[in-house]
C-alpha atoms as a PDB file:
ATOM      1  CA  MET A   1     -35.355   6.860 -42.632  1.00  0.00           C
ATOM      2  CA  THR A   2     -32.802   5.636 -40.117  1.00  0.00           C
ATOM      3  CA  GLN A   3     -31.180   7.847 -37.814  1.00  0.00           C
ATOM      4  CA  THR A   4     -27.997   7.177 -36.146  1.00  0.00           C
ATOM      5  CA  THR A   5     -26.952   8.721 -32.839  1.00  0.00           C
ATOM      6  CA  SER A   6     -23.444   9.348 -32.564  1.00  0.00           C
ATOM      7  CA  HIS A   7     -21.977   7.990 -29.417  1.00  0.00           C
ATOM      8  CA  THR A   8     -18.596   9.236 -27.976  1.00  0.00           C
ATOM      9  CA  ALA A   9     -16.391   6.690 -26.112  1.00  0.00           C
ATOM     10  CA  PRO A  10     -15.471   7.649 -22.555  1.00  0.00           C
ATOM     11  CA  THR A  11     -12.202   9.498 -22.528  1.00  0.00           C
ATOM     12  CA  TYR A  12      -9.287   7.373 -21.123  1.00  0.00           C
ATOM     13  CA  GLN A  13      -7.442   8.655 -18.060  1.00  0.00           C
ATOM     14  CA  PRO A  14      -4.405   6.989 -16.887  1.00  0.00           C
ATOM     15  CA  ILE A  15      -5.162   8.080 -13.597  1.00  0.00           C
ATOM     16  CA  ASP A  16      -8.308   5.544 -13.596  1.00  0.00           C
ATOM     17  CA  ASP A  17      -5.725   2.724 -13.925  1.00  0.00           C
ATOM     18  CA  ALA A  18      -3.465   3.928 -11.283  1.00  0.00           C
ATOM     19  CA  LEU A  19      -6.307   4.230  -8.788  1.00  0.00           C
ATOM     20  CA  ALA A  20      -7.902   1.114  -9.892  1.00  0.00           C
ATOM     21  CA  PRO A  21      -6.112  -0.715  -7.070  1.00  0.00           C
ATOM     22  CA  TRP A  22      -7.135   2.029  -4.718  1.00  0.00           C
ATOM     23  CA  GLN A  23     -10.720   1.250  -5.820  1.00  0.00           C
ATOM     24  CA  LYS A  24     -10.562  -2.298  -5.129  1.00  0.00           C
ATOM     25  CA  ALA A  25      -9.001  -1.607  -1.759  1.00  0.00           C
ATOM     26  CA  ILE A  26     -11.744   0.474  -0.729  1.00  0.00           C
ATOM     27  CA  TYR A  27     -14.369  -1.729  -2.018  1.00  0.00           C
ATOM     28  CA  GLU A  28     -12.950  -4.667  -0.159  1.00  0.00           C
ATOM     29  CA  GLY A  29     -12.240  -2.687   3.066  1.00  0.00           C
ATOM     30  CA  ASN A  30     -15.823  -1.141   3.015  1.00  0.00           C
ATOM     31  CA  LEU A  31     -17.383  -4.898   2.844  1.00  0.00           C
ATOM     32  CA  SER A  32     -14.998  -6.019   5.492  1.00  0.00           C
ATOM     33  CA  PHE A  33     -16.146  -3.002   7.730  1.00  0.00           C
ATOM     34  CA  GLU A  34     -19.862  -3.837   7.178  1.00  0.00           C
ATOM     35  CA  CYS A  35     -19.307  -7.629   8.212  1.00  0.00           C
ATOM     36  CA  GLY A  36     -17.642  -6.408  11.293  1.00  0.00           C
ATOM     37  CA  ASP A  37     -14.029  -7.677  10.146  1.00  0.00           C
ATOM     38  CA  LEU A  38     -12.059  -4.607  11.086  1.00  0.00           C
ATOM     39  CA  VAL A  39      -8.746  -5.861  11.187  1.00  0.00           C
ATOM     40  CA  VAL A  40      -9.226  -6.953   7.504  1.00  0.00           C
ATOM     41  CA  ALA A  41     -11.033  -3.425   6.812  1.00  0.00           C
ATOM     42  CA  ARG A  42      -8.096  -1.784   8.431  1.00  0.00           C
ATOM     43  CA  ASP A  43      -5.474  -3.537   6.315  1.00  0.00           C
ATOM     44  CA  HIS A  44      -7.459  -2.801   2.845  1.00  0.00           C
ATOM     45  CA  TYR A  45      -7.604   1.246   4.031  1.00  0.00           C
ATOM     46  CA  THR A  46      -4.169   1.331   4.837  1.00  0.00           C
ATOM     47  CA  VAL A  47      -3.405  -0.184   1.450  1.00  0.00           C
ATOM     48  CA  ALA A  48      -5.858   2.319  -0.366  1.00  0.00           C
ATOM     49  CA  ALA A  49      -4.333   5.312   1.912  1.00  0.00           C
ATOM     50  CA  ASN A  50      -0.616   4.301   0.734  1.00  0.00           C
ATOM     51  CA  ILE A  51      -1.667   4.071  -2.991  1.00  0.00           C
ATOM     52  CA  ALA A  52      -3.179   7.374  -2.953  1.00  0.00           C
ATOM     53  CA  GLU A  53      -0.610   8.978  -0.900  1.00  0.00           C
ATOM     54  CA  THR A  54       2.066   7.713  -3.499  1.00  0.00           C
ATOM     55  CA  LEU A  55       0.060   8.868  -6.256  1.00  0.00           C
ATOM     56  CA  MET A  56      -0.352  12.238  -4.681  1.00  0.00           C
ATOM     57  CA  ALA A  57       3.299  12.646  -4.192  1.00  0.00           C
ATOM     58  CA  GLN A  58       4.193  11.658  -7.487  1.00  0.00           C
ATOM     59  CA  PHE A  59       1.837  13.946  -9.283  1.00  0.00           C
ATOM     60  CA  THR A  60       2.965  16.922  -6.894  1.00  0.00           C
ATOM     61  CA  ASN A  61       6.669  16.233  -8.071  1.00  0.00           C
ATOM     62  CA  ILE A  62       6.172  16.619 -11.813  1.00  0.00           C
ATOM     63  CA  PRO A  63       5.576  19.607 -13.904  1.00  0.00           C
ATOM     64  CA  TYR A  64       2.026  21.008 -13.873  1.00  0.00           C
ATOM     65  CA  SER A  65      -0.200  20.081 -16.744  1.00  0.00           C
ATOM     66  CA  HIS A  66      -3.890  19.515 -17.392  1.00  0.00           C
ATOM     67  CA  THR A  67      -3.267  15.774 -16.806  1.00  0.00           C
ATOM     68  CA  VAL A  68      -1.551  16.440 -13.403  1.00  0.00           C
ATOM     69  CA  ALA A  69      -4.239  18.705 -12.280  1.00  0.00           C
ATOM     70  CA  ASP A  70      -6.908  15.912 -13.420  1.00  0.00           C
ATOM     71  CA  SER A  71      -4.937  13.284 -11.760  1.00  0.00           C
ATOM     72  CA  LEU A  72      -4.625  15.320  -8.539  1.00  0.00           C
ATOM     73  CA  SER A  73      -8.372  16.069  -8.389  1.00  0.00           C
ATOM     74  CA  HIS A  74      -8.698  12.203  -7.964  1.00  0.00           C
ATOM     75  CA  CYS A  75      -5.848  11.545  -5.677  1.00  0.00           C
ATOM     76  CA  PHE A  76      -6.750  14.207  -3.157  1.00  0.00           C
ATOM     77  CA  PRO A  77     -10.180  12.846  -2.453  1.00  0.00           C
ATOM     78  CA  ALA A  78      -8.980   9.243  -2.714  1.00  0.00           C
ATOM     79  CA  PHE A  79      -6.467  10.153   0.212  1.00  0.00           C
ATOM     80  CA  VAL A  80      -8.847  11.849   2.274  1.00  0.00           C
ATOM     81  CA  VAL A  81     -11.717   8.895   1.774  1.00  0.00           C
ATOM     82  CA  ALA A  82      -9.110   6.271   2.674  1.00  0.00           C
ATOM     83  CA  THR A  83      -7.422   7.965   5.665  1.00  0.00           C
ATOM     84  CA  HIS A  84     -10.841   8.682   7.035  1.00  0.00           C
ATOM     85  CA  ASN A  85     -12.014   5.322   6.696  1.00  0.00           C
ATOM     86  CA  LEU A  86      -9.079   4.187   8.400  1.00  0.00           C
ATOM     87  CA  ALA A  87      -9.892   6.576  11.114  1.00  0.00           C
ATOM     88  CA  ASP A  88     -13.501   5.470  11.491  1.00  0.00           C
ATOM     89  CA  THR A  89     -12.248   1.733  11.741  1.00  0.00           C
ATOM     90  CA  PHE A  90      -9.812   2.649  14.406  1.00  0.00           C
ATOM     91  CA  LYS A  91     -12.661   4.464  16.377  1.00  0.00           C
ATOM     92  CA  VAL A  92     -14.953   1.497  16.187  1.00  0.00           C
ATOM     93  CA  MET A  93     -11.959  -0.884  17.106  1.00  0.00           C
ATOM     94  CA  GLY A  94     -11.548   1.346  20.324  1.00  0.00           C
ATOM     95  CA  GLN A  95      -8.262   2.789  19.272  1.00  0.00           C
ATOM     96  CA  PRO A  96      -8.502   6.653  19.315  1.00  0.00           C
ATOM     97  CA  GLU A  97      -5.079   7.301  19.355  1.00  0.00           C
ATOM     98  CA  LYS A  98      -4.717   5.508  16.061  1.00  0.00           C
ATOM     99  CA  ALA A  99      -7.727   7.190  14.577  1.00  0.00           C
ATOM    100  CA  CYS A 100      -6.236  10.609  15.663  1.00  0.00           C
ATOM    101  CA  ASN A 101      -2.768   9.480  14.272  1.00  0.00           C
ATOM    102  CA  TRP A 102      -4.534   8.865  10.508  1.00  0.00           C
ATOM    103  CA  LEU A 103      -6.410  12.189  10.635  1.00  0.00           C
ATOM    104  CA  CYS A 104      -3.368  14.036  11.745  1.00  0.00           C
ATOM    105  CA  HIS A 105      -1.096  12.423   8.909  1.00  0.00           C
ATOM    106  CA  ALA A 106      -3.905  13.330   6.080  1.00  0.00           C
ATOM    107  CA  HIS A 107      -3.920  17.003   7.443  1.00  0.00           C
ATOM    108  CA  GLN A 108       0.012  17.179   7.444  1.00  0.00           C
ATOM    109  CA  LYS A 109       0.285  15.693   4.279  1.00  0.00           C
ATOM    110  CA  LEU A 110      -2.269  18.017   2.494  1.00  0.00           C
ATOM    111  CA  SER A 111      -0.977  21.122   4.549  1.00  0.00           C
ATOM    112  CA  LEU A 112       2.424  20.298   2.825  1.00  0.00           C
ATOM    113  CA  VAL A 113       0.691  20.536  -0.583  1.00  0.00           C
ATOM    114  CA  LEU A 114      -0.844  24.100   0.301  1.00  0.00           C
ATOM    115  CA  CYS A 115       2.706  25.400   0.103  1.00  0.00           C
ATOM    116  CA  HIS A 116       3.200  23.827  -3.160  1.00  0.00           C
ATOM    117  CA  PRO A 117       4.768  26.458  -5.629  1.00  0.00           C
ATOM    118  CA  ASN A 118       2.102  26.055  -8.180  1.00  0.00           C
ATOM    119  CA  GLU A 119      -0.890  28.069  -7.312  1.00  0.00           C
ATOM    120  CA  LYS A 120      -3.258  25.825  -9.155  1.00  0.00           C
ATOM    121  CA  ILE A 121      -2.143  22.706  -7.157  1.00  0.00           C
ATOM    122  CA  ARG A 122      -2.695  24.626  -3.886  1.00  0.00           C
ATOM    123  CA  HIS A 123      -6.219  25.605  -5.192  1.00  0.00           C
ATOM    124  CA  LEU A 124      -7.030  21.888  -5.948  1.00  0.00           C
ATOM    125  CA  VAL A 125      -5.865  20.850  -2.568  1.00  0.00           C
ATOM    126  CA  LEU A 126      -7.638  23.586  -0.648  1.00  0.00           C
ATOM    127  CA  HIS A 127     -11.129  21.917  -0.529  1.00  0.00           C
ATOM    128  CA  HIS A 128      -9.642  18.570   0.834  1.00  0.00           C
ATOM    129  CA  HIS A 129      -7.414  20.388   3.258  1.00  0.00           C
ATOM    130  CA  HIS A 130     -10.630  21.829   4.599  1.00  0.00           C
ATOM    131  CA  LYS A 131     -12.438  18.458   4.928  1.00  0.00           C
ATOM    132  CA  THR A 132      -9.386  17.081   7.041  1.00  0.00           C
ATOM    133  CA  TYR A 133      -9.144  20.256   9.123  1.00  0.00           C
ATOM    134  CA  PHE A 134     -13.107  19.867   9.861  1.00  0.00           C
ATOM    135  CA  GLU A 135     -12.831  15.994  10.670  1.00  0.00           C
ATOM    136  CA  LEU A 136      -9.837  16.901  13.290  1.00  0.00           C
ATOM    137  CA  VAL A 137     -12.108  19.291  14.872  1.00  0.00           C
ATOM    138  CA  LYS A 138     -14.762  16.902  15.230  1.00  0.00           C
ATOM    139  CA  PHE A 139     -12.860  14.455  16.622  1.00  0.00           C
ATOM    140  CA  ALA A 140     -11.434  16.550  19.065  1.00  0.00           C
ATOM    141  CA  GLN A 141     -14.897  17.775  20.147  1.00  0.00           C
ATOM    142  CA  MET A 142     -15.914  13.815  20.494  1.00  0.00           C
ATOM    143  CA  SER A 143     -12.371  13.182  22.405  1.00  0.00           C
ATOM    144  CA  ALA A 144     -12.720  15.077  25.534  1.00  0.00           C
ATOM    145  CA  ASP A 145     -11.784  12.104  27.871  1.00  0.00           C
ATOM    146  CA  PHE A 146      -8.291  12.266  25.893  1.00  0.00           C
ATOM    147  CA  PRO A 147      -6.656  15.556  26.500  1.00  0.00           C
ATOM    148  CA  GLU A 148      -3.210  14.235  24.977  1.00  0.00           C
ATOM    149  CA  LEU A 149      -5.236  13.752  21.712  1.00  0.00           C
ATOM    150  CA  ILE A 150      -6.469  17.302  21.772  1.00  0.00           C
ATOM    151  CA  THR A 151      -2.658  18.476  22.334  1.00  0.00           C
ATOM    152  CA  ARG A 152      -1.585  16.592  19.281  1.00  0.00           C
ATOM    153  CA  ILE A 153      -4.384  17.936  17.077  1.00  0.00           C
ATOM    154  CA  ASN A 154      -3.658  21.339  18.145  1.00  0.00           C
ATOM    155  CA  HIS A 155      -0.098  20.952  17.481  1.00  0.00           C
ATOM    156  CA  VAL A 156      -1.073  19.522  14.088  1.00  0.00           C
ATOM    157  CA  LEU A 157      -3.577  22.577  13.380  1.00  0.00           C
ATOM    158  CA  SER A 158      -0.978  25.154  14.488  1.00  0.00           C
ATOM    159  CA  ASP A 159       1.924  23.473  12.498  1.00  0.00           C
ATOM    160  CA  HIS A 160       1.240  25.182   9.056  1.00  0.00           C
ATOM    161  CA  SER A 161       1.332  28.041   7.453  1.00  0.00           C
ATOM    162  CA  HIS A 162      -2.490  28.723   7.622  1.00  0.00           C
ATOM    163  CA  LYS A 163      -2.859  29.307  11.404  1.00  0.00           C
ATOM    164  CA  THR A 164      -6.160  28.332  12.919  1.00  0.00           C
ATOM    165  CA  GLN A 165      -7.662  28.660  15.943  1.00  0.00           C
ATOM    166  CA  LEU A 166      -6.610  26.128  18.574  1.00  0.00           C
ATOM    167  CA  LEU A 167      -9.208  23.765  20.503  1.00  0.00           C
ATOM    168  CA  HIS A 168      -9.666  23.852  24.271  1.00  0.00           C
END
């Protein structure tokens, strides 16, 4: 007797196509970073961050649906990964102010989404917002020699509806 096993094809999700260029940019950025080609890595990560940010903006500005939620659940981490990779690249390049700018930018963008009128979208972004918060705190702790960066981070952390403890 022959048994057949039913296999279901993976479900197609349009966000996969939309994020394909992001994936390629992250992959190329990681290869470049590992080879020490930091300028090329920076460029790839910048492309990836812009792609994720654009998709995030598009999906947060259309009516909520299961597809929107699924898409945002991919876009938020994609944005965080790209911006944190950029910050890490700038740190290695000896440019802490640019690293700080990217970390602040990521946190500010996600802070705006925390003010979204749809509670489900706010819930989706919360975990990623916490990641950017803790990355800023960690960066500030490692940047004691740069009081102007700590001031900037304090400003960013205090400039949204969920007030947080300032760093000293």
